[in-house]
Amino acid sequence: MVGFGKLKAEFDALGVTIIAASIDTGENAQVVADETGLLVAGGVTRDDAKALDSWWEDRRSIIQPSEFLLDTSGKVLTSSYSSGPIGRVDAADVIGMIKHRESQK
């Protein structure tokens, strides 16, 4: 999420809204929002992970990163599911993909 926060101005210029979600609630979720400058939905549960088809880690009771790029109609353009600390989407790559799609219109 930090990488997306660092490039938030570029996403804003493209008209992109980034929404993050976390198992954290209340003050802890707000800390993440403050650190990244992103909208953060708190309180992600095992049921939420299941609905997204994401990997839920029982040992720590957390959802592993699940990232989605949606178009303006809500269609999923790309997705990434991680089962550990690697394999996350790079924010700069997302900007590149959005710019490429826009150039094809």
PDB file of N, CA and C in Angstrom:
ATOM      1  N   MET A   1       0.810  -1.194   0.000  1.00  0.00           N
ATOM      2  CA  MET A   1       0.000   0.000   0.000  1.00  0.00           C
ATOM      3  C   MET A   1       0.854   1.260   0.000  1.00  0.00           C
ATOM      4  N   VAL A   2       2.014   1.172   0.586  1.00  0.00           N
ATOM      5  CA  VAL A   2       2.882   2.339   0.670  1.00  0.00           C
ATOM      6  C   VAL A   2       3.241   2.847  -0.726  1.00  0.00           C
ATOM      7  N   GLY A   3       3.563   1.934  -1.644  1.00  0.00           N
ATOM      8  CA  GLY A   3       3.905   2.331  -3.004  1.00  0.00           C
ATOM      9  C   GLY A   3       2.768   3.075  -3.690  1.00  0.00           C
ATOM     10  N   PHE A   4       1.548   2.646  -3.444  1.00  0.00           N
ATOM     11  CA  PHE A   4       0.389   3.320  -4.021  1.00  0.00           C
ATOM     12  C   PHE A   4       0.207   4.689  -3.381  1.00  0.00           C
ATOM     13  N   GLY A   5       0.460   4.780  -2.086  1.00  0.00           N
ATOM     14  CA  GLY A   5       0.376   6.065  -1.406  1.00  0.00           C
ATOM     15  C   GLY A   5       1.386   7.059  -1.940  1.00  0.00           C
ATOM     16  N   LYS A   6       2.597   6.580  -2.215  1.00  0.00           N
ATOM     17  CA  LYS A   6       3.649   7.464  -2.731  1.00  0.00           C
ATOM     18  C   LYS A   6       3.296   8.029  -4.103  1.00  0.00           C
ATOM     19  N   LEU A   7       2.535   7.286  -4.889  1.00  0.00           N
ATOM     20  CA  LEU A   7       2.167   7.727  -6.236  1.00  0.00           C
ATOM     21  C   LEU A   7       0.722   8.219  -6.309  1.00  0.00           C
ATOM     22  N   LYS A   8       0.132   8.507  -5.163  1.00  0.00           N
ATOM     23  CA  LYS A   8      -1.275   8.894  -5.117  1.00  0.00           C
ATOM     24  C   LYS A   8      -1.573  10.095  -6.011  1.00  0.00           C
ATOM     25  N   ALA A   9      -0.705  11.090  -6.053  1.00  0.00           N
ATOM     26  CA  ALA A   9      -0.945  12.267  -6.895  1.00  0.00           C
ATOM     27  C   ALA A   9      -1.048  11.880  -8.367  1.00  0.00           C
ATOM     28  N   GLU A  10      -0.239  10.916  -8.796  1.00  0.00           N
ATOM     29  CA  GLU A  10      -0.309  10.461 -10.184  1.00  0.00           C
ATOM     30  C   GLU A  10      -1.618   9.733 -10.461  1.00  0.00           C
ATOM     31  N   PHE A  11      -2.048   8.904  -9.494  1.00  0.00           N
ATOM     32  CA  PHE A  11      -3.338   8.221  -9.645  1.00  0.00           C
ATOM     33  C   PHE A  11      -4.469   9.241  -9.676  1.00  0.00           C
ATOM     34  N   ASP A  12      -4.410  10.233  -8.792  1.00  0.00           N
ATOM     35  CA  ASP A  12      -5.433  11.279  -8.771  1.00  0.00           C
ATOM     36  C   ASP A  12      -5.507  11.995 -10.117  1.00  0.00           C
ATOM     37  N   ALA A  13      -4.351  12.309 -10.705  1.00  0.00           N
ATOM     38  CA  ALA A  13      -4.308  12.999 -11.998  1.00  0.00           C
ATOM     39  C   ALA A  13      -4.946  12.165 -13.104  1.00  0.00           C
ATOM     40  N   LEU A  14      -4.910  10.843 -12.947  1.00  0.00           N
ATOM     41  CA  LEU A  14      -5.526   9.936 -13.922  1.00  0.00           C
ATOM     42  C   LEU A  14      -7.003   9.686 -13.621  1.00  0.00           C
ATOM     43  N   GLY A  15      -7.483  10.224 -12.508  1.00  0.00           N
ATOM     44  CA  GLY A  15      -8.877  10.011 -12.119  1.00  0.00           C
ATOM     45  C   GLY A  15      -9.128   8.659 -11.488  1.00  0.00           C
ATOM     46  N   VAL A  16      -8.074   8.073 -10.924  1.00  0.00           N
ATOM     47  CA  VAL A  16      -8.155   6.736 -10.334  1.00  0.00           C
ATOM     48  C   VAL A  16      -8.393   6.836  -8.827  1.00  0.00           C
ATOM     49  N   THR A  17      -9.338   6.053  -8.338  1.00  0.00           N
ATOM     50  CA  THR A  17      -9.586   5.957  -6.907  1.00  0.00           C
ATOM     51  C   THR A  17      -8.983   4.653  -6.398  1.00  0.00           C
ATOM     52  N   ILE A  18      -8.191   4.750  -5.360  1.00  0.00           N
ATOM     53  CA  ILE A  18      -7.588   3.568  -4.753  1.00  0.00           C
ATOM     54  C   ILE A  18      -8.287   3.334  -3.424  1.00  0.00           C
ATOM     55  N   ILE A  19      -8.737   2.104  -3.221  1.00  0.00           N
ATOM     56  CA  ILE A  19      -9.353   1.730  -1.955  1.00  0.00           C
ATOM     57  C   ILE A  19      -8.586   0.540  -1.410  1.00  0.00           C
ATOM     58  N   ALA A  20      -8.062   0.690  -0.218  1.00  0.00           N
ATOM     59  CA  ALA A  20      -7.345  -0.394   0.441  1.00  0.00           C
ATOM     60  C   ALA A  20      -8.257  -0.998   1.493  1.00  0.00           C
ATOM     61  N   ALA A  21      -7.990  -2.218   1.852  1.00  0.00           N
ATOM     62  CA  ALA A  21      -8.754  -2.879   2.902  1.00  0.00           C
ATOM     63  C   ALA A  21      -7.777  -3.584   3.836  1.00  0.00           C
ATOM     64  N   SER A  22      -8.149  -3.626   5.097  1.00  0.00           N
ATOM     65  CA  SER A  22      -7.252  -4.167   6.113  1.00  0.00           C
ATOM     66  C   SER A  22      -8.055  -4.910   7.168  1.00  0.00           C
ATOM     67  N   ILE A  23      -7.398  -5.848   7.825  1.00  0.00           N
ATOM     68  CA  ILE A  23      -8.048  -6.510   8.958  1.00  0.00           C
ATOM     69  C   ILE A  23      -8.135  -5.570  10.148  1.00  0.00           C
ATOM     70  N   ASP A  24      -7.293  -4.530  10.146  1.00  0.00           N
ATOM     71  CA  ASP A  24      -7.281  -3.564  11.239  1.00  0.00           C
ATOM     72  C   ASP A  24      -8.605  -2.819  11.300  1.00  0.00           C
ATOM     73  N   THR A  25      -8.958  -2.389  12.488  1.00  0.00           N
ATOM     74  CA  THR A  25     -10.175  -1.616  12.686  1.00  0.00           C
ATOM     75  C   THR A  25      -9.848  -0.353  13.467  1.00  0.00           C
ATOM     76  N   GLY A  26     -10.783   0.568  13.470  1.00  0.00           N
ATOM     77  CA  GLY A  26     -10.668   1.762  14.293  1.00  0.00           C
ATOM     78  C   GLY A  26      -9.376   2.524  14.094  1.00  0.00           C
ATOM     79  N   GLU A  27      -8.700   2.803  15.218  1.00  0.00           N
ATOM     80  CA  GLU A  27      -7.471   3.599  15.198  1.00  0.00           C
ATOM     81  C   GLU A  27      -6.377   2.953  14.357  1.00  0.00           C
ATOM     82  N   ASN A  28      -6.264   1.619  14.423  1.00  0.00           N
ATOM     83  CA  ASN A  28      -5.217   0.948  13.642  1.00  0.00           C
ATOM     84  C   ASN A  28      -5.439   1.125  12.144  1.00  0.00           C
ATOM     85  N   ALA A  29      -6.681   1.036  11.688  1.00  0.00           N
ATOM     86  CA  ALA A  29      -6.972   1.259  10.269  1.00  0.00           C
ATOM     87  C   ALA A  29      -6.701   2.716   9.901  1.00  0.00           C
ATOM     88  N   GLN A  30      -6.998   3.620  10.817  1.00  0.00           N
ATOM     89  CA  GLN A  30      -6.757   5.039  10.551  1.00  0.00           C
ATOM     90  C   GLN A  30      -5.263   5.333  10.443  1.00  0.00           C
ATOM     91  N   VAL A  31      -4.438   4.636  11.219  1.00  0.00           N
ATOM     92  CA  VAL A  31      -2.985   4.807  11.126  1.00  0.00           C
ATOM     93  C   VAL A  31      -2.513   4.437   9.721  1.00  0.00           C
ATOM     94  N   VAL A  32      -3.022   3.328   9.194  1.00  0.00           N
ATOM     95  CA  VAL A  32      -2.657   2.910   7.833  1.00  0.00           C
ATOM     96  C   VAL A  32      -3.112   3.966   6.829  1.00  0.00           C
ATOM     97  N   ALA A  33      -4.326   4.467   6.989  1.00  0.00           N
ATOM     98  CA  ALA A  33      -4.840   5.502   6.088  1.00  0.00           C
ATOM     99  C   ALA A  33      -3.969   6.754   6.153  1.00  0.00           C
ATOM    100  N   ASP A  34      -3.596   7.159   7.358  1.00  0.00           N
ATOM    101  CA  ASP A  34      -2.770   8.357   7.524  1.00  0.00           C
ATOM    102  C   ASP A  34      -1.381   8.170   6.919  1.00  0.00           C
ATOM    103  N   GLU A  35      -0.806   6.978   7.082  1.00  0.00           N
ATOM    104  CA  GLU A  35       0.536   6.716   6.564  1.00  0.00           C
ATOM    105  C   GLU A  35       0.576   6.671   5.044  1.00  0.00           C
ATOM    106  N   THR A  36      -0.509   6.207   4.429  1.00  0.00           N
ATOM    107  CA  THR A  36      -0.518   6.013   2.979  1.00  0.00           C
ATOM    108  C   THR A  36      -1.269   7.107   2.219  1.00  0.00           C
ATOM    109  N   GLY A  37      -2.154   7.816   2.899  1.00  0.00           N
ATOM    110  CA  GLY A  37      -2.992   8.801   2.231  1.00  0.00           C
ATOM    111  C   GLY A  37      -4.111   8.175   1.420  1.00  0.00           C
ATOM    112  N   LEU A  38      -4.362   6.883   1.640  1.00  0.00           N
ATOM    113  CA  LEU A  38      -5.390   6.161   0.887  1.00  0.00           C
ATOM    114  C   LEU A  38      -6.654   5.984   1.713  1.00  0.00           C
ATOM    115  N   LEU A  39      -7.760   5.721   1.018  1.00  0.00           N
ATOM    116  CA  LEU A  39      -8.980   5.309   1.700  1.00  0.00           C
ATOM    117  C   LEU A  39      -8.745   3.883   2.192  1.00  0.00           C
ATOM    118  N   VAL A  40      -9.030   3.610   3.453  1.00  0.00           N
ATOM    119  CA  VAL A  40      -8.821   2.267   3.994  1.00  0.00           C
ATOM    120  C   VAL A  40     -10.122   1.779   4.633  1.00  0.00           C
ATOM    121  N   ALA A  41     -10.618   0.682   4.110  1.00  0.00           N
ATOM    122  CA  ALA A  41     -11.770   0.012   4.709  1.00  0.00           C
ATOM    123  C   ALA A  41     -11.221  -0.972   5.733  1.00  0.00           C
ATOM    124  N   GLY A  42     -11.635  -0.847   6.950  1.00  0.00           N
ATOM    125  CA  GLY A  42     -11.115  -1.713   8.008  1.00  0.00           C
ATOM    126  C   GLY A  42     -12.045  -2.861   8.322  1.00  0.00           C
ATOM    127  N   GLY A  43     -11.508  -3.831   9.035  1.00  0.00           N
ATOM    128  CA  GLY A  43     -12.311  -4.933   9.535  1.00  0.00           C
ATOM    129  C   GLY A  43     -12.534  -6.082   8.573  1.00  0.00           C
ATOM    130  N   VAL A  44     -11.591  -6.298   7.632  1.00  0.00           N
ATOM    131  CA  VAL A  44     -11.716  -7.416   6.698  1.00  0.00           C
ATOM    132  C   VAL A  44     -11.738  -8.728   7.490  1.00  0.00           C
ATOM    133  N   THR A  45     -12.651  -9.593   7.143  1.00  0.00           N
ATOM    134  CA  THR A  45     -12.841 -10.864   7.844  1.00  0.00           C
ATOM    135  C   THR A  45     -12.524 -12.053   6.945  1.00  0.00           C
ATOM    136  N   ARG A  46     -12.521 -13.215   7.544  1.00  0.00           N
ATOM    137  CA  ARG A  46     -12.337 -14.464   6.796  1.00  0.00           C
ATOM    138  C   ARG A  46     -13.428 -14.602   5.726  1.00  0.00           C
ATOM    139  N   ASP A  47     -14.656 -14.215   6.057  1.00  0.00           N
ATOM    140  CA  ASP A  47     -15.744 -14.284   5.077  1.00  0.00           C
ATOM    141  C   ASP A  47     -15.484 -13.350   3.892  1.00  0.00           C
ATOM    142  N   ASP A  48     -14.923 -12.164   4.167  1.00  0.00           N
ATOM    143  CA  ASP A  48     -14.567 -11.242   3.079  1.00  0.00           C
ATOM    144  C   ASP A  48     -13.508 -11.887   2.182  1.00  0.00           C
ATOM    145  N   ALA A  49     -12.506 -12.497   2.807  1.00  0.00           N
ATOM    146  CA  ALA A  49     -11.452 -13.166   2.040  1.00  0.00           C
ATOM    147  C   ALA A  49     -12.040 -14.270   1.167  1.00  0.00           C
ATOM    148  N   LYS A  50     -12.956 -15.008   1.737  1.00  0.00           N
ATOM    149  CA  LYS A  50     -13.586 -16.093   0.982  1.00  0.00           C
ATOM    150  C   LYS A  50     -14.377 -15.537  -0.207  1.00  0.00           C
ATOM    151  N   ALA A  51     -15.083 -14.428   0.004  1.00  0.00           N
ATOM    152  CA  ALA A  51     -15.867 -13.823  -1.078  1.00  0.00           C
ATOM    153  C   ALA A  51     -14.967 -13.345  -2.216  1.00  0.00           C
ATOM    154  N   LEU A  52     -13.755 -12.914  -1.880  1.00  0.00           N
ATOM    155  CA  LEU A  52     -12.798 -12.463  -2.889  1.00  0.00           C
ATOM    156  C   LEU A  52     -11.967 -13.603  -3.463  1.00  0.00           C
ATOM    157  N   ASP A  53     -12.132 -14.796  -2.893  1.00  0.00           N
ATOM    158  CA  ASP A  53     -11.325 -15.955  -3.268  1.00  0.00           C
ATOM    159  C   ASP A  53      -9.861 -15.737  -2.901  1.00  0.00           C
ATOM    160  N   SER A  54      -9.640 -14.981  -1.827  1.00  0.00           N
ATOM    161  CA  SER A  54      -8.300 -14.650  -1.364  1.00  0.00           C
ATOM    162  C   SER A  54      -7.817 -15.667  -0.340  1.00  0.00           C
ATOM    163  N   TRP A  55      -6.511 -15.647  -0.123  1.00  0.00           N
ATOM    164  CA  TRP A  55      -5.906 -16.576   0.815  1.00  0.00           C
ATOM    165  C   TRP A  55      -5.932 -15.980   2.213  1.00  0.00           C
ATOM    166  N   TRP A  56      -6.544 -16.689   3.143  1.00  0.00           N
ATOM    167  CA  TRP A  56      -6.620 -16.288   4.543  1.00  0.00           C
ATOM    168  C   TRP A  56      -5.593 -17.098   5.319  1.00  0.00           C
ATOM    169  N   GLU A  57      -4.725 -16.414   6.020  1.00  0.00           N
ATOM    170  CA  GLU A  57      -3.697 -17.093   6.814  1.00  0.00           C
ATOM    171  C   GLU A  57      -4.227 -17.316   8.221  1.00  0.00           C
ATOM    172  N   ASP A  58      -4.468 -18.585   8.548  1.00  0.00           N
ATOM    173  CA  ASP A  58      -5.044 -18.927   9.851  1.00  0.00           C
ATOM    174  C   ASP A  58      -4.122 -18.581  11.013  1.00  0.00           C
ATOM    175  N   ARG A  59      -2.831 -18.798  10.837  1.00  0.00           N
ATOM    176  CA  ARG A  59      -1.899 -18.604  11.953  1.00  0.00           C
ATOM    177  C   ARG A  59      -1.970 -17.183  12.519  1.00  0.00           C
ATOM    178  N   ARG A  60      -2.049 -16.193  11.632  1.00  0.00           N
ATOM    179  CA  ARG A  60      -2.100 -14.799  12.096  1.00  0.00           C
ATOM    180  C   ARG A  60      -3.474 -14.155  11.919  1.00  0.00           C
ATOM    181  N   SER A  61      -4.413 -14.914  11.390  1.00  0.00           N
ATOM    182  CA  SER A  61      -5.770 -14.413  11.120  1.00  0.00           C
ATOM    183  C   SER A  61      -5.726 -13.142  10.272  1.00  0.00           C
ATOM    184  N   ILE A  62      -5.062 -13.264   9.110  1.00  0.00           N
ATOM    185  CA  ILE A  62      -4.971 -12.133   8.184  1.00  0.00           C
ATOM    186  C   ILE A  62      -5.282 -12.581   6.764  1.00  0.00           C
ATOM    187  N   ILE A  63      -5.690 -11.623   5.962  1.00  0.00           N
ATOM    188  CA  ILE A  63      -5.860 -11.855   4.530  1.00  0.00           C
ATOM    189  C   ILE A  63      -4.543 -11.469   3.853  1.00  0.00           C
ATOM    190  N   GLN A  64      -4.096 -12.310   2.948  1.00  0.00           N
ATOM    191  CA  GLN A  64      -2.911 -11.963   2.171  1.00  0.00           C
ATOM    192  C   GLN A  64      -3.333 -11.037   1.032  1.00  0.00           C
ATOM    193  N   PRO A  65      -2.414 -10.236   0.509  1.00  0.00           N
ATOM    194  CA  PRO A  65      -2.778  -9.242  -0.487  1.00  0.00           C
ATOM    195  C   PRO A  65      -3.546  -9.818  -1.684  1.00  0.00           C
ATOM    196  N   SER A  66      -4.605  -9.119  -2.012  1.00  0.00           N
ATOM    197  CA  SER A  66      -5.435  -9.424  -3.172  1.00  0.00           C
ATOM    198  C   SER A  66      -5.695  -8.082  -3.832  1.00  0.00           C
ATOM    199  N   GLU A  67      -5.244  -7.936  -5.061  1.00  0.00           N
ATOM    200  CA  GLU A  67      -5.285  -6.631  -5.706  1.00  0.00           C
ATOM    201  C   GLU A  67      -6.061  -6.720  -7.007  1.00  0.00           C
ATOM    202  N   PHE A  68      -6.893  -5.716  -7.236  1.00  0.00           N
ATOM    203  CA  PHE A  68      -7.767  -5.707  -8.402  1.00  0.00           C
ATOM    204  C   PHE A  68      -7.729  -4.340  -9.059  1.00  0.00           C
ATOM    205  N   LEU A  69      -7.670  -4.315 -10.380  1.00  0.00           N
ATOM    206  CA  LEU A  69      -7.808  -3.089 -11.144  1.00  0.00           C
ATOM    207  C   LEU A  69      -9.126  -3.208 -11.894  1.00  0.00           C
ATOM    208  N   LEU A  70     -10.026  -2.260 -11.613  1.00  0.00           N
ATOM    209  CA  LEU A  70     -11.355  -2.264 -12.215  1.00  0.00           C
ATOM    210  C   LEU A  70     -11.478  -1.111 -13.190  1.00  0.00           C
ATOM    211  N   ASP A  71     -12.263  -1.315 -14.242  1.00  0.00           N
ATOM    212  CA  ASP A  71     -12.545  -0.176 -15.118  1.00  0.00           C
ATOM    213  C   ASP A  71     -13.729   0.594 -14.544  1.00  0.00           C
ATOM    214  N   THR A  72     -14.159   1.632 -15.247  1.00  0.00           N
ATOM    215  CA  THR A  72     -15.216   2.488 -14.712  1.00  0.00           C
ATOM    216  C   THR A  72     -16.562   1.784 -14.589  1.00  0.00           C
ATOM    217  N   SER A  73     -16.731   0.660 -15.278  1.00  0.00           N
ATOM    218  CA  SER A  73     -17.986  -0.095 -15.164  1.00  0.00           C
ATOM    219  C   SER A  73     -17.922  -1.158 -14.077  1.00  0.00           C
ATOM    220  N   GLY A  74     -16.745  -1.322 -13.452  1.00  0.00           N
ATOM    221  CA  GLY A  74     -16.581  -2.336 -12.409  1.00  0.00           C
ATOM    222  C   GLY A  74     -16.023  -3.646 -12.906  1.00  0.00           C
ATOM    223  N   LYS A  75     -15.716  -3.734 -14.190  1.00  0.00           N
ATOM    224  CA  LYS A  75     -15.131  -4.955 -14.762  1.00  0.00           C
ATOM    225  C   LYS A  75     -13.697  -5.098 -14.264  1.00  0.00           C
ATOM    226  N   VAL A  76     -13.332  -6.308 -13.839  1.00  0.00           N
ATOM    227  CA  VAL A  76     -11.968  -6.571 -13.392  1.00  0.00           C
ATOM    228  C   VAL A  76     -11.062  -6.664 -14.615  1.00  0.00           C
ATOM    229  N   LEU A  77     -10.073  -5.759 -14.666  1.00  0.00           N
ATOM    230  CA  LEU A  77      -9.118  -5.756 -15.775  1.00  0.00           C
ATOM    231  C   LEU A  77      -7.935  -6.661 -15.484  1.00  0.00           C
ATOM    232  N   THR A  78      -7.528  -6.692 -14.229  1.00  0.00           N
ATOM    233  CA  THR A  78      -6.427  -7.561 -13.817  1.00  0.00           C
ATOM    234  C   THR A  78      -6.541  -7.788 -12.315  1.00  0.00           C
ATOM    235  N   SER A  79      -5.980  -8.896 -11.874  1.00  0.00           N
ATOM    236  CA  SER A  79      -5.993  -9.196 -10.441  1.00  0.00           C
ATOM    237  C   SER A  79      -4.712  -9.919 -10.064  1.00  0.00           C
ATOM    238  N   SER A  80      -4.395  -9.827  -8.788  1.00  0.00           N
ATOM    239  CA  SER A  80      -3.212 -10.490  -8.261  1.00  0.00           C
ATOM    240  C   SER A  80      -3.537 -11.012  -6.875  1.00  0.00           C
ATOM    241  N   TYR A  81      -3.216 -12.265  -6.647  1.00  0.00           N
ATOM    242  CA  TYR A  81      -3.434 -12.891  -5.348  1.00  0.00           C
ATOM    243  C   TYR A  81      -2.098 -13.374  -4.801  1.00  0.00           C
ATOM    244  N   SER A  82      -1.797 -13.013  -3.573  1.00  0.00           N
ATOM    245  CA  SER A  82      -0.562 -13.467  -2.943  1.00  0.00           C
ATOM    246  C   SER A  82      -0.881 -14.463  -1.833  1.00  0.00           C
ATOM    247  N   SER A  83       0.056 -15.352  -1.606  1.00  0.00           N
ATOM    248  CA  SER A  83      -0.074 -16.294  -0.485  1.00  0.00           C
ATOM    249  C   SER A  83       1.048 -16.073   0.523  1.00  0.00           C
ATOM    250  N   GLY A  84       1.718 -14.948   0.402  1.00  0.00           N
ATOM    251  CA  GLY A  84       2.819 -14.618   1.293  1.00  0.00           C
ATOM    252  C   GLY A  84       3.323 -13.220   0.995  1.00  0.00           C
ATOM    253  N   PRO A  85       4.508 -12.888   1.472  1.00  0.00           N
ATOM    254  CA  PRO A  85       4.999 -11.516   1.381  1.00  0.00           C
ATOM    255  C   PRO A  85       5.559 -11.100   0.020  1.00  0.00           C
ATOM    256  N   ILE A  86       5.490 -11.944  -0.989  1.00  0.00           N
ATOM    257  CA  ILE A  86       5.970 -11.547  -2.313  1.00  0.00           C
ATOM    258  C   ILE A  86       4.824 -11.630  -3.315  1.00  0.00           C
ATOM    259  N   GLY A  87       5.040 -11.038  -4.481  1.00  0.00           N
ATOM    260  CA  GLY A  87       4.058 -11.153  -5.546  1.00  0.00           C
ATOM    261  C   GLY A  87       3.030 -10.046  -5.558  1.00  0.00           C
ATOM    262  N   ARG A  88       3.370  -8.896  -5.009  1.00  0.00           N
ATOM    263  CA  ARG A  88       2.421  -7.790  -4.991  1.00  0.00           C
ATOM    264  C   ARG A  88       2.555  -6.938  -6.249  1.00  0.00           C
ATOM    265  N   VAL A  89       1.464  -6.291  -6.606  1.00  0.00           N
ATOM    266  CA  VAL A  89       1.439  -5.427  -7.777  1.00  0.00           C
ATOM    267  C   VAL A  89       2.221  -4.150  -7.481  1.00  0.00           C
ATOM    268  N   ASP A  90       3.018  -3.709  -8.448  1.00  0.00           N
ATOM    269  CA  ASP A  90       3.787  -2.480  -8.322  1.00  0.00           C
ATOM    270  C   ASP A  90       2.930  -1.310  -8.792  1.00  0.00           C
ATOM    271  N   ALA A  91       2.861  -0.258  -7.974  1.00  0.00           N
ATOM    272  CA  ALA A  91       2.023   0.894  -8.286  1.00  0.00           C
ATOM    273  C   ALA A  91       2.402   1.535  -9.617  1.00  0.00           C
ATOM    274  N   ALA A  92       3.680   1.657  -9.895  1.00  0.00           N
ATOM    275  CA  ALA A  92       4.121   2.263 -11.161  1.00  0.00           C
ATOM    276  C   ALA A  92       3.664   1.425 -12.352  1.00  0.00           C
ATOM    277  N   ASP A  93       3.635   0.109 -12.200  1.00  0.00           N
ATOM    278  CA  ASP A  93       3.149  -0.759 -13.271  1.00  0.00           C
ATOM    279  C   ASP A  93       1.668  -0.520 -13.541  1.00  0.00           C
ATOM    280  N   VAL A  94       0.907  -0.288 -12.483  1.00  0.00           N
ATOM    281  CA  VAL A  94      -0.523  -0.013 -12.638  1.00  0.00           C
ATOM    282  C   VAL A  94      -0.712   1.295 -13.405  1.00  0.00           C
ATOM    283  N   ILE A  95       0.051   2.313 -13.059  1.00  0.00           N
ATOM    284  CA  ILE A  95      -0.032   3.585 -13.789  1.00  0.00           C
ATOM    285  C   ILE A  95       0.291   3.359 -15.261  1.00  0.00           C
ATOM    286  N   GLY A  96       1.330   2.585 -15.543  1.00  0.00           N
ATOM    287  CA  GLY A  96       1.685   2.276 -16.918  1.00  0.00           C
ATOM    288  C   GLY A  96       0.569   1.564 -17.656  1.00  0.00           C
ATOM    289  N   MET A  97      -0.082   0.615 -16.999  1.00  0.00           N
ATOM    290  CA  MET A  97      -1.176  -0.116 -17.624  1.00  0.00           C
ATOM    291  C   MET A  97      -2.354   0.808 -17.914  1.00  0.00           C
ATOM    292  N   ILE A  98      -2.668   1.682 -16.965  1.00  0.00           N
ATOM    293  CA  ILE A  98      -3.780   2.612 -17.168  1.00  0.00           C
ATOM    294  C   ILE A  98      -3.478   3.557 -18.334  1.00  0.00           C
ATOM    295  N   LYS A  99      -2.271   4.099 -18.370  1.00  0.00           N
ATOM    296  CA  LYS A  99      -1.895   4.997 -19.464  1.00  0.00           C
ATOM    297  C   LYS A  99      -1.938   4.269 -20.818  1.00  0.00           C
ATOM    298  N   HIS A 100      -1.487   3.030 -20.832  1.00  0.00           N
ATOM    299  CA  HIS A 100      -1.527   2.250 -22.073  1.00  0.00           C
ATOM    300  C   HIS A 100      -2.963   2.045 -22.522  1.00  0.00           C
ATOM    301  N   ARG A 101      -3.847   1.655 -21.606  1.00  0.00           N
ATOM    302  CA  ARG A 101      -5.261   1.460 -21.958  1.00  0.00           C
ATOM    303  C   ARG A 101      -5.870   2.752 -22.490  1.00  0.00           C
ATOM    304  N   GLU A 102      -5.547   3.856 -21.838  1.00  0.00           N
ATOM    305  CA  GLU A 102      -6.098   5.149 -22.272  1.00  0.00           C
ATOM    306  C   GLU A 102      -5.591   5.520 -23.654  1.00  0.00           C
ATOM    307  N   SER A 103      -4.360   5.184 -23.966  1.00  0.00           N
ATOM    308  CA  SER A 103      -3.798   5.519 -25.276  1.00  0.00           C
ATOM    309  C   SER A 103      -4.420   4.678 -26.394  1.00  0.00           C
ATOM    310  N   GLN A 104      -5.049   3.565 -26.044  1.00  0.00           N
ATOM    311  CA  GLN A 104      -5.648   2.672 -27.027  1.00  0.00           C
ATOM    312  C   GLN A 104      -7.086   3.060 -27.384  1.00  0.00           C
ATOM    313  N   LYS A 105      -7.624   4.027 -26.669  1.00  0.00           N
ATOM    314  CA  LYS A 105      -9.019   4.438 -26.913  1.00  0.00           C
ATOM    315  C   LYS A 105      -9.141   5.263 -28.167  1.00  0.00           C
TER     316      LYS A 105
END
